[in-house]
Amino acid sequence: MSSELPDTAVPLGIADPVQKARAELKAALAAIEHKANLPKRAVIATDRASREARAYARRNPTGAAAAAVGVAVAVGAVVWGVARLIAR
């Protein structure tokens, strides 16, 4: 287990009020950046989803193929529907 604190944590035992305020501000800004960094969060979520999909495909190749066909049909239906609405 690592003894290093995450960026969003304030270390305990800071006696100087100025140093404590700086540490709290630094942690708050790090938490805001972590929460607001949508591109980074999207990359993490995409990586996690792709790992889970690969694991599912290894466990159940038939189900994964059926899911891929289902997704392709759904996307095709949405694109067809949008194109039809635009054409009218």
Protein backbone atom coordinates (compact mmCIF):
# COMPACT_ATOMS: atom_id res chain seq x y z
CA MET A 1 0.00 0.00 0.00
CA SER A 2 1.34 3.41 -0.95
CA SER A 3 1.71 6.08 1.73
CA GLU A 4 1.37 8.82 -0.89
CA LEU A 5 -1.83 10.86 -0.62
CA PRO A 6 -4.01 11.54 -3.65
CA ASP A 7 -4.03 15.09 -5.02
CA THR A 8 -7.52 15.67 -3.66
CA ALA A 9 -6.61 14.88 -0.03
CA VAL A 10 -5.36 17.28 2.64
CA PRO A 11 -2.55 15.90 4.80
CA LEU A 12 -3.24 15.72 8.53
CA GLY A 13 -1.13 17.48 11.14
CA ILE A 14 -0.51 20.82 9.43
CA ALA A 15 -0.22 23.30 12.33
CA ASP A 16 0.39 26.49 10.38
CA PRO A 17 -2.99 27.95 9.30
CA VAL A 18 -1.52 29.44 6.13
CA GLN A 19 0.01 26.12 5.08
CA LYS A 20 -3.25 24.33 5.92
CA ALA A 21 -5.26 26.82 3.83
CA ARG A 22 -2.87 26.35 0.91
CA ALA A 23 -3.14 22.57 1.18
CA GLU A 24 -6.95 22.79 1.29
CA LEU A 25 -7.01 25.10 -1.73
CA LYS A 26 -4.66 22.81 -3.65
CA ALA A 27 -6.86 19.80 -2.84
CA ALA A 28 -10.04 21.66 -3.80
CA LEU A 29 -8.57 22.76 -7.14
CA ALA A 30 -7.37 19.22 -7.85
CA ALA A 31 -10.85 17.86 -7.09
CA ILE A 32 -12.46 20.45 -9.37
CA GLU A 33 -10.02 19.62 -12.17
CA HIS A 34 -10.66 15.90 -11.71
CA LYS A 35 -14.43 16.39 -11.81
CA ALA A 36 -14.46 18.88 -14.71
CA ASN A 37 -11.92 17.17 -16.99
CA LEU A 38 -14.51 15.51 -19.21
CA PRO A 39 -12.14 14.41 -22.00
CA LYS A 40 -9.94 12.56 -19.52
CA ARG A 41 -12.96 10.97 -17.85
CA ALA A 42 -14.31 9.94 -21.27
CA VAL A 43 -11.01 8.26 -22.15
CA ILE A 44 -11.00 6.38 -18.84
CA ALA A 45 -14.62 5.27 -19.31
CA THR A 46 -13.95 4.19 -22.91
CA ASP A 47 -10.88 2.18 -21.87
CA ARG A 48 -12.85 0.48 -19.09
CA ALA A 49 -15.76 -0.33 -21.41
CA SER A 50 -13.47 -1.75 -24.09
CA ARG A 51 -11.69 -3.95 -21.51
CA GLU A 52 -15.05 -5.23 -20.27
CA ALA A 53 -16.27 -5.85 -23.83
CA ARG A 54 -13.12 -7.81 -24.69
CA ALA A 55 -13.48 -9.88 -21.53
CA TYR A 56 -17.15 -10.56 -22.35
CA ALA A 57 -16.21 -11.54 -25.92
CA ARG A 58 -13.65 -14.04 -24.59
CA ARG A 59 -16.24 -15.56 -22.23
CA ASN A 60 -19.17 -15.53 -24.67
CA PRO A 61 -18.18 -15.03 -28.33
CA THR A 62 -21.69 -15.78 -29.64
CA GLY A 63 -23.29 -13.26 -27.32
CA ALA A 64 -20.68 -10.65 -28.25
CA ALA A 65 -21.35 -11.19 -31.96
CA ALA A 66 -25.10 -10.89 -31.37
CA ALA A 67 -24.56 -7.69 -29.37
CA ALA A 68 -22.41 -6.23 -32.16
CA VAL A 69 -25.09 -7.03 -34.75
CA GLY A 70 -27.74 -5.50 -32.49
CA VAL A 71 -25.73 -2.31 -32.04
CA ALA A 72 -25.11 -2.08 -35.80
CA VAL A 73 -28.84 -2.50 -36.51
CA ALA A 74 -29.74 0.14 -33.91
CA VAL A 75 -27.23 2.65 -35.28
CA GLY A 76 -28.39 1.95 -38.83
CA ALA A 77 -32.03 2.49 -37.84
CA VAL A 78 -31.20 5.79 -36.15
CA VAL A 79 -29.21 7.02 -39.16
CA TRP A 80 -31.98 5.91 -41.52
CA GLY A 81 -34.60 7.68 -39.39
CA VAL A 82 -32.61 10.92 -39.25
CA ALA A 83 -31.96 10.82 -43.00
CA ARG A 84 -35.65 10.23 -43.67
CA LEU A 85 -36.63 13.16 -41.44
CA ILE A 86 -34.13 15.45 -43.14
CA ALA A 87 -35.28 14.36 -46.61
CA ARG A 88 -38.89 15.38 -45.88
